[in-house]
């Protein structure tokens, strides 16, 4: 089955996602919720790290298989959506809604990206 998000596009979006997540506490005004601010920045670093390690066009070390990257996207997205309740900031609307949106985006990106591994020659 053909999926609508090419691997190369997904790779570029990974780094945009990480930058957006890192800026989220200031941009979406929840810097007053320290747990949420720390968690979303930790998530940003995690996405950047496993993206740098992924065997795809945007990876640097290319040790993590592409399909594993997609699985991490889905699991991390579900965890991100659960975080407001797991860590006690669900009543903070800006933080909760940011986590729900970022998590849903991660799940969708993981499920809608093509699953073909990058060829060994890197093209």
C-alpha atoms as a PDB file:
ATOM      1  CA  UNK A   1       0.000   0.000   0.000  1.00  0.00           C
ATOM      2  CA  UNK A   2       1.323   3.425  -0.936  1.00  0.00           C
ATOM      3  CA  UNK A   3       1.481   5.926   1.902  1.00  0.00           C
ATOM      4  CA  UNK A   4       1.123   9.686   1.331  1.00  0.00           C
ATOM      5  CA  UNK A   5       4.263  10.920   3.126  1.00  0.00           C
ATOM      6  CA  UNK A   6       7.573  10.189   1.376  1.00  0.00           C
ATOM      7  CA  UNK A   7      10.502   9.233   3.622  1.00  0.00           C
ATOM      8  CA  UNK A   8      12.473  12.304   2.499  1.00  0.00           C
ATOM      9  CA  UNK A   9       9.639  14.685   3.456  1.00  0.00           C
ATOM     10  CA  UNK A  10       9.127  12.933   6.780  1.00  0.00           C
ATOM     11  CA  UNK A  11      12.816  13.443   7.538  1.00  0.00           C
ATOM     12  CA  UNK A  12      12.644  17.187   7.010  1.00  0.00           C
ATOM     13  CA  UNK A  13       9.502  17.387   9.120  1.00  0.00           C
ATOM     14  CA  UNK A  14      11.229  15.515  11.967  1.00  0.00           C
ATOM     15  CA  UNK A  15      13.620  18.396  12.523  1.00  0.00           C
ATOM     16  CA  UNK A  16      10.869  21.017  12.162  1.00  0.00           C
ATOM     17  CA  UNK A  17       8.845  19.072  14.729  1.00  0.00           C
ATOM     18  CA  UNK A  18      11.805  19.059  17.137  1.00  0.00           C
ATOM     19  CA  UNK A  19      12.273  22.824  16.740  1.00  0.00           C
ATOM     20  CA  UNK A  20       8.550  23.459  17.215  1.00  0.00           C
ATOM     21  CA  UNK A  21       8.446  21.292  20.336  1.00  0.00           C
ATOM     22  CA  UNK A  22      11.491  23.057  21.800  1.00  0.00           C
ATOM     23  CA  UNK A  23       9.876  26.459  21.235  1.00  0.00           C
ATOM     24  CA  UNK A  24       6.387  25.388  22.361  1.00  0.00           C
ATOM     25  CA  UNK A  25       6.470  26.583  25.997  1.00  0.00           C
ATOM     26  CA  UNK A  26       7.207  30.142  24.882  1.00  0.00           C
ATOM     27  CA  UNK A  27       5.229  30.092  21.645  1.00  0.00           C
ATOM     28  CA  UNK A  28       2.096  28.511  23.118  1.00  0.00           C
ATOM     29  CA  UNK A  29       2.445  30.173  26.515  1.00  0.00           C
ATOM     30  CA  UNK A  30       2.925  27.385  28.990  1.00  0.00           C
ATOM     31  CA  UNK A  31       6.349  28.278  30.335  1.00  0.00           C
ATOM     32  CA  UNK A  32       4.526  28.787  33.680  1.00  0.00           C
ATOM     33  CA  UNK A  33       3.943  25.008  33.778  1.00  0.00           C
ATOM     34  CA  UNK A  34       7.488  23.742  34.441  1.00  0.00           C
ATOM     35  CA  UNK A  35       6.742  20.031  34.152  1.00  0.00           C
ATOM     36  CA  UNK A  36       5.131  20.454  30.744  1.00  0.00           C
ATOM     37  CA  UNK A  37       7.892  22.793  29.563  1.00  0.00           C
ATOM     38  CA  UNK A  38      10.626  20.334  30.585  1.00  0.00           C
ATOM     39  CA  UNK A  39       8.820  17.343  29.083  1.00  0.00           C
ATOM     40  CA  UNK A  40       8.163  18.941  25.693  1.00  0.00           C
ATOM     41  CA  UNK A  41      11.779  20.082  25.468  1.00  0.00           C
ATOM     42  CA  UNK A  42      12.914  16.579  26.424  1.00  0.00           C
ATOM     43  CA  UNK A  43      10.657  15.211  23.679  1.00  0.00           C
ATOM     44  CA  UNK A  44      12.180  17.701  21.220  1.00  0.00           C
ATOM     45  CA  UNK A  45      15.664  16.476  22.067  1.00  0.00           C
ATOM     46  CA  UNK A  46      14.546  12.869  21.753  1.00  0.00           C
ATOM     47  CA  UNK A  47      13.064  13.393  18.302  1.00  0.00           C
ATOM     48  CA  UNK A  48      16.195  15.203  17.143  1.00  0.00           C
ATOM     49  CA  UNK A  49      18.400  12.433  18.573  1.00  0.00           C
ATOM     50  CA  UNK A  50      16.607   9.482  17.027  1.00  0.00           C
ATOM     51  CA  UNK A  51      16.288  11.383  13.749  1.00  0.00           C
ATOM     52  CA  UNK A  52      20.057  11.901  13.653  1.00  0.00           C
ATOM     53  CA  UNK A  53      20.463   8.154  14.242  1.00  0.00           C
ATOM     54  CA  UNK A  54      17.919   7.024  11.617  1.00  0.00           C
ATOM     55  CA  UNK A  55      18.914   5.269   8.411  1.00  0.00           C
ATOM     56  CA  UNK A  56      17.270   7.786   6.064  1.00  0.00           C
ATOM     57  CA  UNK A  57      18.229  10.786   3.967  1.00  0.00           C
ATOM     58  CA  UNK A  58      18.252  13.163   6.946  1.00  0.00           C
ATOM     59  CA  UNK A  59      20.137  10.843   9.309  1.00  0.00           C
ATOM     60  CA  UNK A  60      23.761  11.383  10.260  1.00  0.00           C
ATOM     61  CA  UNK A  61      24.868   8.120  11.879  1.00  0.00           C
ATOM     62  CA  UNK A  62      22.200   5.994  10.132  1.00  0.00           C
ATOM     63  CA  UNK A  63      22.061   3.096  12.578  1.00  0.00           C
ATOM     64  CA  UNK A  64      18.332   3.034  13.447  1.00  0.00           C
ATOM     65  CA  UNK A  65      16.202   1.280  10.803  1.00  0.00           C
ATOM     66  CA  UNK A  66      13.556   3.454   9.179  1.00  0.00           C
ATOM     67  CA  UNK A  67      10.659   1.249  10.265  1.00  0.00           C
ATOM     68  CA  UNK A  68      11.930   1.394  13.852  1.00  0.00           C
ATOM     69  CA  UNK A  69      11.939   5.182  13.605  1.00  0.00           C
ATOM     70  CA  UNK A  70       8.293   5.090  12.509  1.00  0.00           C
ATOM     71  CA  UNK A  71       7.405   2.818  15.430  1.00  0.00           C
ATOM     72  CA  UNK A  72       9.105   5.225  17.835  1.00  0.00           C
ATOM     73  CA  UNK A  73       7.110   8.091  16.281  1.00  0.00           C
ATOM     74  CA  UNK A  74       3.851   6.293  17.030  1.00  0.00           C
ATOM     75  CA  UNK A  75       4.783   5.218  20.569  1.00  0.00           C
ATOM     76  CA  UNK A  76       6.215   8.641  21.413  1.00  0.00           C
ATOM     77  CA  UNK A  77       3.096  10.300  20.030  1.00  0.00           C
ATOM     78  CA  UNK A  78       0.809   8.207  22.210  1.00  0.00           C
ATOM     79  CA  UNK A  79       3.010   8.941  25.244  1.00  0.00           C
ATOM     80  CA  UNK A  80       2.950  12.655  24.408  1.00  0.00           C
ATOM     81  CA  UNK A  81      -0.854  12.638  24.277  1.00  0.00           C
ATOM     82  CA  UNK A  82      -1.036  10.834  27.641  1.00  0.00           C
ATOM     83  CA  UNK A  83       1.546  13.060  29.357  1.00  0.00           C
ATOM     84  CA  UNK A  84      -0.819  15.804  30.593  1.00  0.00           C
ATOM     85  CA  UNK A  85      -2.701  13.229  32.689  1.00  0.00           C
ATOM     86  CA  UNK A  86       0.316  11.144  33.628  1.00  0.00           C
ATOM     87  CA  UNK A  87       2.286  14.165  34.860  1.00  0.00           C
ATOM     88  CA  UNK A  88      -0.545  16.258  36.301  1.00  0.00           C
ATOM     89  CA  UNK A  89      -0.862  19.255  34.010  1.00  0.00           C
ATOM     90  CA  UNK A  90      -4.077  18.330  32.171  1.00  0.00           C
ATOM     91  CA  UNK A  91      -5.897  21.353  33.620  1.00  0.00           C
ATOM     92  CA  UNK A  92      -3.439  23.727  31.964  1.00  0.00           C
ATOM     93  CA  UNK A  93      -5.244  24.152  28.644  1.00  0.00           C
ATOM     94  CA  UNK A  94      -2.331  25.491  26.595  1.00  0.00           C
ATOM     95  CA  UNK A  95       0.058  22.766  27.722  1.00  0.00           C
ATOM     96  CA  UNK A  96      -2.526  19.979  27.421  1.00  0.00           C
ATOM     97  CA  UNK A  97      -3.657  21.048  23.961  1.00  0.00           C
ATOM     98  CA  UNK A  98      -0.091  21.415  22.723  1.00  0.00           C
ATOM     99  CA  UNK A  99       0.754  17.909  23.924  1.00  0.00           C
ATOM    100  CA  UNK A 100      -2.404  16.499  22.329  1.00  0.00           C
ATOM    101  CA  UNK A 101      -1.695  18.204  18.996  1.00  0.00           C
ATOM    102  CA  UNK A 102       2.008  17.341  18.937  1.00  0.00           C
ATOM    103  CA  UNK A 103       1.265  13.743  19.930  1.00  0.00           C
ATOM    104  CA  UNK A 104      -1.442  13.325  17.302  1.00  0.00           C
ATOM    105  CA  UNK A 105       0.903  14.768  14.677  1.00  0.00           C
ATOM    106  CA  UNK A 106       3.611  12.287  15.670  1.00  0.00           C
ATOM    107  CA  UNK A 107       1.216   9.332  15.491  1.00  0.00           C
ATOM    108  CA  UNK A 108      -0.091  10.461  12.095  1.00  0.00           C
ATOM    109  CA  UNK A 109       3.433  10.989  10.750  1.00  0.00           C
ATOM    110  CA  UNK A 110       4.450   7.530  11.899  1.00  0.00           C
ATOM    111  CA  UNK A 111       1.409   5.844  10.384  1.00  0.00           C
ATOM    112  CA  UNK A 112       1.240   7.784   7.114  1.00  0.00           C
ATOM    113  CA  UNK A 113       4.898   7.718   6.040  1.00  0.00           C
ATOM    114  CA  UNK A 114       6.090   5.270   3.424  1.00  0.00           C
ATOM    115  CA  UNK A 115       7.733   2.257   5.006  1.00  0.00           C
ATOM    116  CA  UNK A 116      10.357   1.415   2.376  1.00  0.00           C
ATOM    117  CA  UNK A 117      13.841   1.411   3.852  1.00  0.00           C
ATOM    118  CA  UNK A 118      16.448   3.695   2.266  1.00  0.00           C
ATOM    119  CA  UNK A 119      18.547   1.820  -0.303  1.00  0.00           C
ATOM    120  CA  UNK A 120      22.006   0.793   0.859  1.00  0.00           C
ATOM    121  CA  UNK A 121      23.643   3.290  -1.529  1.00  0.00           C
ATOM    122  CA  UNK A 122      21.820   6.148   0.239  1.00  0.00           C
ATOM    123  CA  UNK A 123      19.757   7.333  -2.732  1.00  0.00           C
END
